[in-house]
Structures are given as C-alpha cells and as structure tokens.
Amino acid sequence: MMTVKEKLAELGIALPPFTAPMANYVCASRCGALVMSAGNTPKVNGVLQYMGRVSADRVEEGYQAARLCTLNALAVLDDLCGGLDNIDHIVKVTGYISSEPDFYDQPKVLNGASDLLVQLLGEKGRHARCALGMSVLGGDALCEITYDVALKDEALAKI
C-alpha cells in the first residue's frame, strides 16, 4: 500500500514546511486520539495567495485556495501527529469562506479541500464537513479551514 507521502510525490505535490503559530495559540490541539487543527489559510511562505471575497466568477480560485489550506494543514498534521500515515481518518472539515453577499456556493469552494483529502487518503479522507460563508476573514484571507482528525497511534503524536 502506498504511503500518503508517496501519493503526494506521485501527484507532484510537495508539502510546505511546518510553520509555527503567528500568535498566542497552538497549530493543533489533541484530546485522546482526536486532533483538532487551528485555522489554515491559503499561504505560501507565510504570504496569502488568495484574498478577498468569493463570488460566482471566483469559484475555481476558491477551490484552489481550499486545496492550499489543506496542504498547509497536512504539513502541520504530518509534523504533530507522527506522520500522515498515523492519521486513521479525517473526522470533520470546517471551511470559513469569505463570500460576497449574493454568493451561495460555499460547498463548491470547500470541495478543494475534500477532493484532495479523498485523493490522498481514499476512504480515510471522507469526512463530515461544514461550509460557512463569512463577510470577512483575518488578513483578508479568501478562506480558512480547520481539520479534525483521528489518530491510529496516540503515542506517535508530539502533542
């Protein structure tokens, strides 16, 4: 069976480096085998790549932003959870999508996260989720996503 990192390599995707929190919080918190991430935004090297509000003509941008949020979250989870292969399954994904007042397709944006998780983890990547429209997000981020994951082996986690 192929590891998650082998699957990433096969897809030509590199995880970004783990980055420390920018304020007084932790990147993820754990309660038993459940790990809950802090919000992940669509950054590359600490710089937001997707900003503003999603509208009907920016759905594909939103999709790519959600995908980038997921890669950033996976870098955190890889570091803190004892590797991506120690993830038993993705429990829940919550997406906060900065949206124009007349935009109602937040789930289409969050598909960027869901599709990547299933592509990488198969059935273990299927999750419950909630896609929420927001009037604004910190730093003018286009989206921010949190991830709740269950671990296989709690002893491997750093948190």
N, C-alpha and C. Protein backbone atom coordinates (compact mmCIF):
# COMPACT_ATOMS: atom_id res chain seq x y z
N MET A 1 0.84 -1.19 0.00
CA MET A 1 0.00 0.00 0.00
C MET A 1 0.88 1.25 0.00
N MET A 2 0.50 2.23 -0.81
CA MET A 2 1.27 3.45 -0.96
C MET A 2 1.07 4.37 0.26
N THR A 3 2.17 4.98 0.75
CA THR A 3 2.05 5.92 1.85
C THR A 3 1.47 7.24 1.33
N VAL A 4 1.03 8.08 2.25
CA VAL A 4 0.48 9.38 1.85
C VAL A 4 1.56 10.21 1.17
N LYS A 5 2.76 10.18 1.68
CA LYS A 5 3.85 10.96 1.06
C LYS A 5 4.20 10.43 -0.33
N GLU A 6 4.12 9.11 -0.52
CA GLU A 6 4.33 8.56 -1.85
C GLU A 6 3.23 9.01 -2.80
N LYS A 7 2.01 9.06 -2.30
CA LYS A 7 0.88 9.53 -3.12
C LYS A 7 1.08 11.00 -3.49
N LEU A 8 1.50 11.82 -2.52
CA LEU A 8 1.80 13.23 -2.81
C LEU A 8 2.86 13.34 -3.91
N ALA A 9 3.94 12.56 -3.78
CA ALA A 9 5.02 12.59 -4.77
C ALA A 9 4.52 12.16 -6.15
N GLU A 10 3.67 11.12 -6.17
CA GLU A 10 3.10 10.65 -7.44
C GLU A 10 2.30 11.76 -8.12
N LEU A 11 1.62 12.59 -7.31
CA LEU A 11 0.82 13.69 -7.83
C LEU A 11 1.64 14.95 -8.10
N GLY A 12 2.94 14.89 -7.78
CA GLY A 12 3.81 16.05 -7.99
C GLY A 12 3.55 17.17 -6.99
N ILE A 13 3.11 16.81 -5.79
CA ILE A 13 2.78 17.79 -4.77
C ILE A 13 3.80 17.68 -3.63
N ALA A 14 4.34 18.82 -3.23
CA ALA A 14 5.25 18.87 -2.08
C ALA A 14 4.54 19.59 -0.94
N LEU A 15 4.64 19.05 0.25
CA LEU A 15 4.07 19.74 1.41
C LEU A 15 4.94 20.95 1.72
N PRO A 16 4.31 22.04 2.13
CA PRO A 16 5.10 23.20 2.55
C PRO A 16 5.77 22.88 3.88
N PRO A 17 6.77 23.66 4.28
CA PRO A 17 7.37 23.42 5.58
C PRO A 17 6.40 23.76 6.71
N PHE A 18 6.55 23.08 7.82
CA PHE A 18 5.76 23.39 9.01
C PHE A 18 6.12 24.80 9.47
N THR A 19 5.11 25.59 9.77
CA THR A 19 5.37 26.93 10.28
C THR A 19 4.72 27.09 11.65
N ALA A 20 5.43 27.75 12.53
CA ALA A 20 4.95 27.97 13.90
C ALA A 20 3.78 28.95 13.88
N PRO A 21 2.97 28.93 14.93
CA PRO A 21 1.84 29.88 15.02
C PRO A 21 2.34 31.32 15.02
N MET A 22 1.47 32.22 14.54
CA MET A 22 1.84 33.63 14.44
C MET A 22 1.37 34.44 15.66
N ALA A 23 0.73 33.79 16.62
CA ALA A 23 0.22 34.49 17.80
C ALA A 23 0.19 33.52 18.97
N ASN A 24 -0.58 33.82 19.98
CA ASN A 24 -0.63 33.03 21.20
C ASN A 24 -1.65 31.90 21.08
N TYR A 25 -1.32 30.89 20.28
CA TYR A 25 -2.15 29.70 20.09
C TYR A 25 -1.26 28.57 19.61
N VAL A 26 -1.81 27.38 19.52
CA VAL A 26 -1.07 26.23 19.01
C VAL A 26 -1.66 25.85 17.65
N CYS A 27 -0.88 25.19 16.83
CA CYS A 27 -1.32 24.79 15.49
C CYS A 27 -2.36 23.68 15.52
N ALA A 28 -2.34 22.90 16.59
CA ALA A 28 -3.31 21.82 16.76
C ALA A 28 -3.36 21.46 18.22
N SER A 29 -4.50 20.93 18.61
CA SER A 29 -4.72 20.50 19.99
C SER A 29 -5.24 19.07 19.94
N ARG A 30 -4.93 18.29 20.99
CA ARG A 30 -5.33 16.89 20.97
C ARG A 30 -6.09 16.53 22.23
N CYS A 31 -7.11 15.71 22.06
CA CYS A 31 -7.87 15.12 23.16
C CYS A 31 -7.97 13.63 22.84
N GLY A 32 -7.15 12.83 23.49
CA GLY A 32 -7.11 11.41 23.17
C GLY A 32 -6.60 11.21 21.75
N ALA A 33 -7.35 10.47 20.97
CA ALA A 33 -6.95 10.18 19.59
C ALA A 33 -7.45 11.24 18.60
N LEU A 34 -8.15 12.26 19.10
CA LEU A 34 -8.69 13.29 18.22
C LEU A 34 -7.79 14.53 18.22
N VAL A 35 -7.39 14.95 17.03
CA VAL A 35 -6.57 16.15 16.86
C VAL A 35 -7.40 17.17 16.10
N MET A 36 -7.44 18.39 16.65
CA MET A 36 -8.18 19.49 16.03
C MET A 36 -7.19 20.58 15.64
N SER A 37 -7.16 20.92 14.35
CA SER A 37 -6.22 21.93 13.90
C SER A 37 -6.77 23.33 14.14
N ALA A 38 -5.85 24.27 14.23
CA ALA A 38 -6.21 25.67 14.18
C ALA A 38 -6.59 25.98 12.73
N GLY A 39 -7.05 27.18 12.48
CA GLY A 39 -7.41 27.55 11.11
C GLY A 39 -6.19 27.62 10.21
N ASN A 40 -6.35 27.12 9.00
CA ASN A 40 -5.29 27.16 7.99
C ASN A 40 -5.76 28.01 6.83
N THR A 41 -4.92 28.93 6.42
CA THR A 41 -5.25 29.84 5.33
C THR A 41 -4.40 29.51 4.10
N PRO A 42 -4.77 30.06 2.95
CA PRO A 42 -4.05 29.73 1.70
C PRO A 42 -2.76 30.55 1.54
N LYS A 43 -1.75 30.17 2.33
CA LYS A 43 -0.46 30.88 2.29
C LYS A 43 0.62 30.04 1.65
N VAL A 44 1.58 30.72 1.05
CA VAL A 44 2.82 30.12 0.59
C VAL A 44 3.93 30.97 1.20
N ASN A 45 4.83 30.31 1.94
CA ASN A 45 5.92 31.01 2.62
C ASN A 45 5.41 32.18 3.46
N GLY A 46 4.28 31.98 4.13
CA GLY A 46 3.73 33.00 5.02
C GLY A 46 2.97 34.12 4.34
N VAL A 47 2.80 34.05 3.03
CA VAL A 47 2.13 35.11 2.28
C VAL A 47 0.81 34.58 1.70
N LEU A 48 -0.29 35.27 2.01
CA LEU A 48 -1.59 34.87 1.46
C LEU A 48 -1.57 34.90 -0.05
N GLN A 49 -2.06 33.83 -0.66
CA GLN A 49 -2.11 33.74 -2.12
C GLN A 49 -3.49 34.06 -2.68
N TYR A 50 -4.51 33.91 -1.85
CA TYR A 50 -5.89 34.15 -2.28
C TYR A 50 -6.55 35.04 -1.24
N MET A 51 -7.01 36.19 -1.71
CA MET A 51 -7.59 37.17 -0.79
C MET A 51 -8.93 37.66 -1.32
N GLY A 52 -9.65 38.36 -0.44
CA GLY A 52 -10.92 38.96 -0.84
C GLY A 52 -12.08 38.01 -0.64
N ARG A 53 -13.14 38.28 -1.36
CA ARG A 53 -14.37 37.50 -1.22
C ARG A 53 -14.64 36.68 -2.48
N VAL A 54 -15.19 35.49 -2.26
CA VAL A 54 -15.57 34.63 -3.37
C VAL A 54 -16.89 35.12 -3.95
N SER A 55 -16.95 35.10 -5.26
CA SER A 55 -18.17 35.41 -6.00
C SER A 55 -18.34 34.31 -7.04
N ALA A 56 -19.41 34.36 -7.77
CA ALA A 56 -19.70 33.32 -8.76
C ALA A 56 -18.56 33.15 -9.78
N ASP A 57 -17.85 34.22 -10.08
CA ASP A 57 -16.77 34.13 -11.06
C ASP A 57 -15.41 33.77 -10.44
N ARG A 58 -15.38 33.47 -9.12
CA ARG A 58 -14.12 33.12 -8.45
C ARG A 58 -14.18 31.74 -7.79
N VAL A 59 -15.13 30.92 -8.18
CA VAL A 59 -15.28 29.61 -7.54
C VAL A 59 -14.01 28.77 -7.73
N GLU A 60 -13.43 28.75 -8.91
CA GLU A 60 -12.22 27.96 -9.15
C GLU A 60 -11.06 28.48 -8.30
N GLU A 61 -10.95 29.79 -8.15
CA GLU A 61 -9.93 30.36 -7.26
C GLU A 61 -10.15 29.88 -5.83
N GLY A 62 -11.40 29.91 -5.41
CA GLY A 62 -11.74 29.45 -4.07
C GLY A 62 -11.39 27.99 -3.87
N TYR A 63 -11.68 27.18 -4.88
CA TYR A 63 -11.35 25.75 -4.85
C TYR A 63 -9.84 25.57 -4.64
N GLN A 64 -9.04 26.30 -5.41
CA GLN A 64 -7.58 26.20 -5.29
C GLN A 64 -7.10 26.71 -3.94
N ALA A 65 -7.75 27.75 -3.42
CA ALA A 65 -7.40 28.27 -2.09
C ALA A 65 -7.66 27.22 -1.03
N ALA A 66 -8.80 26.53 -1.10
CA ALA A 66 -9.12 25.48 -0.13
C ALA A 66 -8.12 24.33 -0.23
N ARG A 67 -7.70 24.03 -1.42
CA ARG A 67 -6.68 22.98 -1.63
C ARG A 67 -5.37 23.39 -0.96
N LEU A 68 -4.99 24.66 -1.11
CA LEU A 68 -3.75 25.15 -0.49
C LEU A 68 -3.86 25.15 1.04
N CYS A 69 -5.02 25.51 1.56
CA CYS A 69 -5.25 25.42 3.01
C CYS A 69 -5.00 23.99 3.49
N THR A 70 -5.46 23.03 2.71
CA THR A 70 -5.32 21.62 3.07
C THR A 70 -3.86 21.19 3.07
N LEU A 71 -3.10 21.64 2.09
CA LEU A 71 -1.67 21.29 2.07
C LEU A 71 -0.97 21.88 3.30
N ASN A 72 -1.32 23.11 3.67
CA ASN A 72 -0.73 23.72 4.86
C ASN A 72 -1.12 22.94 6.12
N ALA A 73 -2.37 22.52 6.19
CA ALA A 73 -2.82 21.72 7.34
C ALA A 73 -2.11 20.37 7.38
N LEU A 74 -1.94 19.74 6.23
CA LEU A 74 -1.27 18.45 6.19
C LEU A 74 0.18 18.56 6.66
N ALA A 75 0.85 19.69 6.36
CA ALA A 75 2.21 19.90 6.85
C ALA A 75 2.23 19.94 8.37
N VAL A 76 1.25 20.62 8.97
CA VAL A 76 1.13 20.70 10.43
C VAL A 76 0.83 19.31 11.00
N LEU A 77 -0.15 18.63 10.42
CA LEU A 77 -0.55 17.32 10.92
C LEU A 77 0.58 16.30 10.77
N ASP A 78 1.32 16.38 9.69
CA ASP A 78 2.46 15.48 9.48
C ASP A 78 3.46 15.65 10.61
N ASP A 79 3.75 16.89 10.95
CA ASP A 79 4.73 17.17 12.00
C ASP A 79 4.22 16.78 13.39
N LEU A 80 3.00 17.13 13.71
CA LEU A 80 2.49 16.96 15.07
C LEU A 80 1.85 15.61 15.36
N CYS A 81 1.40 14.92 14.33
CA CYS A 81 0.65 13.67 14.54
C CYS A 81 1.48 12.41 14.37
N GLY A 82 2.78 12.57 14.17
CA GLY A 82 3.60 11.37 13.98
C GLY A 82 3.57 10.87 12.55
N GLY A 83 3.37 11.78 11.62
CA GLY A 83 3.34 11.43 10.20
C GLY A 83 1.92 11.30 9.68
N LEU A 84 1.76 11.52 8.39
CA LEU A 84 0.44 11.47 7.77
C LEU A 84 -0.15 10.06 7.78
N ASP A 85 0.70 9.06 7.81
CA ASP A 85 0.19 7.69 7.83
C ASP A 85 -0.32 7.29 9.21
N ASN A 86 -0.13 8.16 10.21
CA ASN A 86 -0.70 7.91 11.53
C ASN A 86 -2.12 8.48 11.65
N ILE A 87 -2.61 9.07 10.58
CA ILE A 87 -4.00 9.55 10.58
C ILE A 87 -4.90 8.36 10.26
N ASP A 88 -5.78 8.05 11.19
CA ASP A 88 -6.73 6.96 10.97
C ASP A 88 -7.82 7.39 10.00
N HIS A 89 -8.35 8.59 10.20
CA HIS A 89 -9.30 9.17 9.24
C HIS A 89 -9.54 10.64 9.54
N ILE A 90 -10.01 11.33 8.53
CA ILE A 90 -10.41 12.73 8.68
C ILE A 90 -11.83 12.70 9.23
N VAL A 91 -12.03 13.30 10.38
CA VAL A 91 -13.34 13.26 11.02
C VAL A 91 -14.23 14.38 10.48
N LYS A 92 -13.72 15.63 10.50
CA LYS A 92 -14.53 16.77 10.08
C LYS A 92 -13.66 17.87 9.51
N VAL A 93 -14.19 18.55 8.51
CA VAL A 93 -13.57 19.72 7.90
C VAL A 93 -14.57 20.86 8.00
N THR A 94 -14.10 21.99 8.53
CA THR A 94 -14.95 23.17 8.63
C THR A 94 -14.30 24.29 7.84
N GLY A 95 -15.00 24.77 6.82
CA GLY A 95 -14.47 25.82 5.96
C GLY A 95 -15.21 27.13 6.16
N TYR A 96 -14.43 28.17 6.39
CA TYR A 96 -14.96 29.52 6.51
C TYR A 96 -14.55 30.24 5.22
N ILE A 97 -15.54 30.62 4.43
CA ILE A 97 -15.27 31.17 3.11
C ILE A 97 -15.76 32.62 3.05
N SER A 98 -14.82 33.52 2.84
CA SER A 98 -15.17 34.93 2.71
C SER A 98 -15.94 35.09 1.40
N SER A 99 -17.19 35.55 1.51
CA SER A 99 -18.11 35.49 0.38
C SER A 99 -18.81 36.82 0.14
N GLU A 100 -19.04 37.10 -1.13
CA GLU A 100 -19.90 38.23 -1.48
C GLU A 100 -21.31 37.92 -0.96
N PRO A 101 -22.09 38.95 -0.65
CA PRO A 101 -23.42 38.71 -0.07
C PRO A 101 -24.35 37.84 -0.91
N ASP A 102 -24.17 37.84 -2.22
CA ASP A 102 -25.06 37.05 -3.09
C ASP A 102 -24.42 35.74 -3.56
N PHE A 103 -23.38 35.28 -2.86
CA PHE A 103 -22.72 34.02 -3.21
C PHE A 103 -23.21 32.92 -2.28
N TYR A 104 -23.66 31.81 -2.86
CA TYR A 104 -24.26 30.73 -2.08
C TYR A 104 -23.63 29.37 -2.35
N ASP A 105 -22.49 29.33 -3.01
CA ASP A 105 -21.87 28.06 -3.38
C ASP A 105 -20.61 27.76 -2.56
N GLN A 106 -20.64 28.08 -1.28
CA GLN A 106 -19.51 27.79 -0.41
C GLN A 106 -19.10 26.31 -0.46
N PRO A 107 -20.05 25.37 -0.55
CA PRO A 107 -19.63 23.96 -0.66
C PRO A 107 -18.74 23.68 -1.88
N LYS A 108 -18.95 24.37 -2.97
CA LYS A 108 -18.11 24.17 -4.16
C LYS A 108 -16.68 24.60 -3.88
N VAL A 109 -16.51 25.64 -3.09
CA VAL A 109 -15.17 26.08 -2.70
C VAL A 109 -14.52 25.03 -1.81
N LEU A 110 -15.25 24.57 -0.80
CA LEU A 110 -14.70 23.60 0.15
C LEU A 110 -14.39 22.26 -0.52
N ASN A 111 -14.96 22.00 -1.68
CA ASN A 111 -14.61 20.78 -2.42
C ASN A 111 -13.12 20.71 -2.70
N GLY A 112 -12.44 21.86 -2.79
CA GLY A 112 -10.99 21.86 -3.00
C GLY A 112 -10.27 21.12 -1.89
N ALA A 113 -10.75 21.26 -0.66
CA ALA A 113 -10.18 20.53 0.47
C ALA A 113 -10.62 19.07 0.45
N SER A 114 -11.92 18.85 0.31
CA SER A 114 -12.46 17.49 0.37
C SER A 114 -11.90 16.60 -0.73
N ASP A 115 -11.85 17.13 -1.95
CA ASP A 115 -11.35 16.32 -3.07
C ASP A 115 -9.90 15.91 -2.85
N LEU A 116 -9.07 16.82 -2.36
CA LEU A 116 -7.66 16.49 -2.12
C LEU A 116 -7.52 15.45 -1.02
N LEU A 117 -8.27 15.60 0.06
CA LEU A 117 -8.19 14.63 1.16
C LEU A 117 -8.58 13.23 0.70
N VAL A 118 -9.62 13.12 -0.09
CA VAL A 118 -10.04 11.81 -0.58
C VAL A 118 -9.03 11.27 -1.59
N GLN A 119 -8.50 12.16 -2.42
CA GLN A 119 -7.49 11.74 -3.40
C GLN A 119 -6.26 11.16 -2.69
N LEU A 120 -5.86 11.76 -1.57
CA LEU A 120 -4.66 11.32 -0.87
C LEU A 120 -4.91 10.16 0.09
N LEU A 121 -6.07 10.16 0.75
CA LEU A 121 -6.32 9.20 1.82
C LEU A 121 -7.38 8.16 1.50
N GLY A 122 -8.01 8.27 0.35
CA GLY A 122 -9.07 7.33 -0.01
C GLY A 122 -10.23 7.43 0.97
N GLU A 123 -10.77 6.30 1.37
CA GLU A 123 -11.92 6.29 2.28
C GLU A 123 -11.60 6.96 3.61
N LYS A 124 -10.34 6.93 4.04
CA LYS A 124 -9.95 7.57 5.30
C LYS A 124 -10.05 9.10 5.19
N GLY A 125 -10.10 9.59 3.97
CA GLY A 125 -10.19 11.03 3.76
C GLY A 125 -11.62 11.55 3.72
N ARG A 126 -12.60 10.64 3.67
CA ARG A 126 -14.01 11.08 3.66
C ARG A 126 -14.38 11.59 5.05
N HIS A 127 -15.12 12.68 5.09
CA HIS A 127 -15.34 13.38 6.34
C HIS A 127 -16.69 14.08 6.38
N ALA A 128 -17.13 14.39 7.58
CA ALA A 128 -18.25 15.32 7.74
C ALA A 128 -17.68 16.71 7.49
N ARG A 129 -18.54 17.65 7.11
CA ARG A 129 -18.00 18.98 6.89
C ARG A 129 -19.08 20.04 7.00
N CYS A 130 -18.61 21.27 7.10
CA CYS A 130 -19.49 22.42 7.16
C CYS A 130 -18.82 23.54 6.38
N ALA A 131 -19.52 24.11 5.41
CA ALA A 131 -19.01 25.22 4.60
C ALA A 131 -19.80 26.47 4.95
N LEU A 132 -19.13 27.43 5.56
CA LEU A 132 -19.78 28.63 6.07
C LEU A 132 -19.35 29.87 5.30
N GLY A 133 -20.30 30.71 4.93
CA GLY A 133 -19.99 31.98 4.30
C GLY A 133 -19.74 33.04 5.36
N MET A 134 -18.67 33.80 5.19
CA MET A 134 -18.28 34.87 6.12
C MET A 134 -18.20 36.18 5.35
N SER A 135 -18.44 37.29 6.04
CA SER A 135 -18.31 38.58 5.37
C SER A 135 -16.85 39.00 5.24
N VAL A 136 -16.01 38.56 6.17
CA VAL A 136 -14.58 38.88 6.11
C VAL A 136 -13.82 37.89 7.00
N LEU A 137 -12.57 37.64 6.65
CA LEU A 137 -11.69 36.79 7.46
C LEU A 137 -10.41 37.56 7.76
N GLY A 138 -9.71 37.14 8.80
CA GLY A 138 -8.47 37.81 9.18
C GLY A 138 -7.48 37.89 8.04
N GLY A 139 -6.84 39.06 7.92
CA GLY A 139 -5.86 39.27 6.86
C GLY A 139 -6.45 39.35 5.47
N ASP A 140 -7.76 39.37 5.38
CA ASP A 140 -8.49 39.36 4.11
C ASP A 140 -8.32 38.04 3.36
N ALA A 141 -8.07 36.96 4.13
CA ALA A 141 -7.95 35.63 3.52
C ALA A 141 -9.26 35.26 2.83
N LEU A 142 -9.16 34.59 1.70
CA LEU A 142 -10.34 34.14 0.97
C LEU A 142 -11.04 33.00 1.71
N CYS A 143 -10.26 32.15 2.40
CA CYS A 143 -10.87 31.08 3.19
C CYS A 143 -9.93 30.70 4.33
N GLU A 144 -10.51 30.04 5.31
CA GLU A 144 -9.76 29.49 6.44
C GLU A 144 -10.46 28.18 6.80
N ILE A 145 -9.66 27.13 7.00
CA ILE A 145 -10.24 25.81 7.18
C ILE A 145 -9.61 25.13 8.40
N THR A 146 -10.46 24.45 9.18
CA THR A 146 -9.98 23.64 10.29
C THR A 146 -10.25 22.17 9.98
N TYR A 147 -9.43 21.31 10.57
CA TYR A 147 -9.48 19.88 10.29
C TYR A 147 -9.46 19.12 11.62
N ASP A 148 -10.38 18.19 11.78
CA ASP A 148 -10.39 17.30 12.93
C ASP A 148 -10.05 15.91 12.42
N VAL A 149 -9.01 15.31 13.01
CA VAL A 149 -8.55 14.00 12.54
C VAL A 149 -8.42 13.03 13.71
N ALA A 150 -8.63 11.76 13.43
CA ALA A 150 -8.44 10.70 14.41
C ALA A 150 -7.11 10.02 14.13
N LEU A 151 -6.35 9.76 15.19
CA LEU A 151 -5.05 9.12 15.06
C LEU A 151 -5.15 7.60 15.21
N LYS A 152 -4.23 6.92 14.56
CA LYS A 152 -4.11 5.47 14.75
C LYS A 152 -3.41 5.17 16.08
N ASP A 153 -2.28 5.84 16.30
CA ASP A 153 -1.44 5.57 17.47
C ASP A 153 -1.14 6.89 18.18
N GLU A 154 -1.79 7.11 19.30
CA GLU A 154 -1.60 8.34 20.06
C GLU A 154 -0.16 8.54 20.50
N ALA A 155 0.56 7.47 20.74
CA ALA A 155 1.92 7.57 21.24
C ALA A 155 2.87 8.21 20.23
N LEU A 156 2.53 8.21 18.96
CA LEU A 156 3.39 8.80 17.94
C LEU A 156 3.24 10.32 17.85
N ALA A 157 2.17 10.86 18.39
CA ALA A 157 1.90 12.30 18.29
C ALA A 157 2.83 13.09 19.19
N LYS A 158 3.24 14.27 18.72
CA LYS A 158 4.06 15.19 19.50
C LYS A 158 3.24 16.05 20.44
N ILE A 159 1.93 16.08 20.20
CA ILE A 159 1.07 16.95 21.02
C ILE A 159 0.24 16.14 21.97
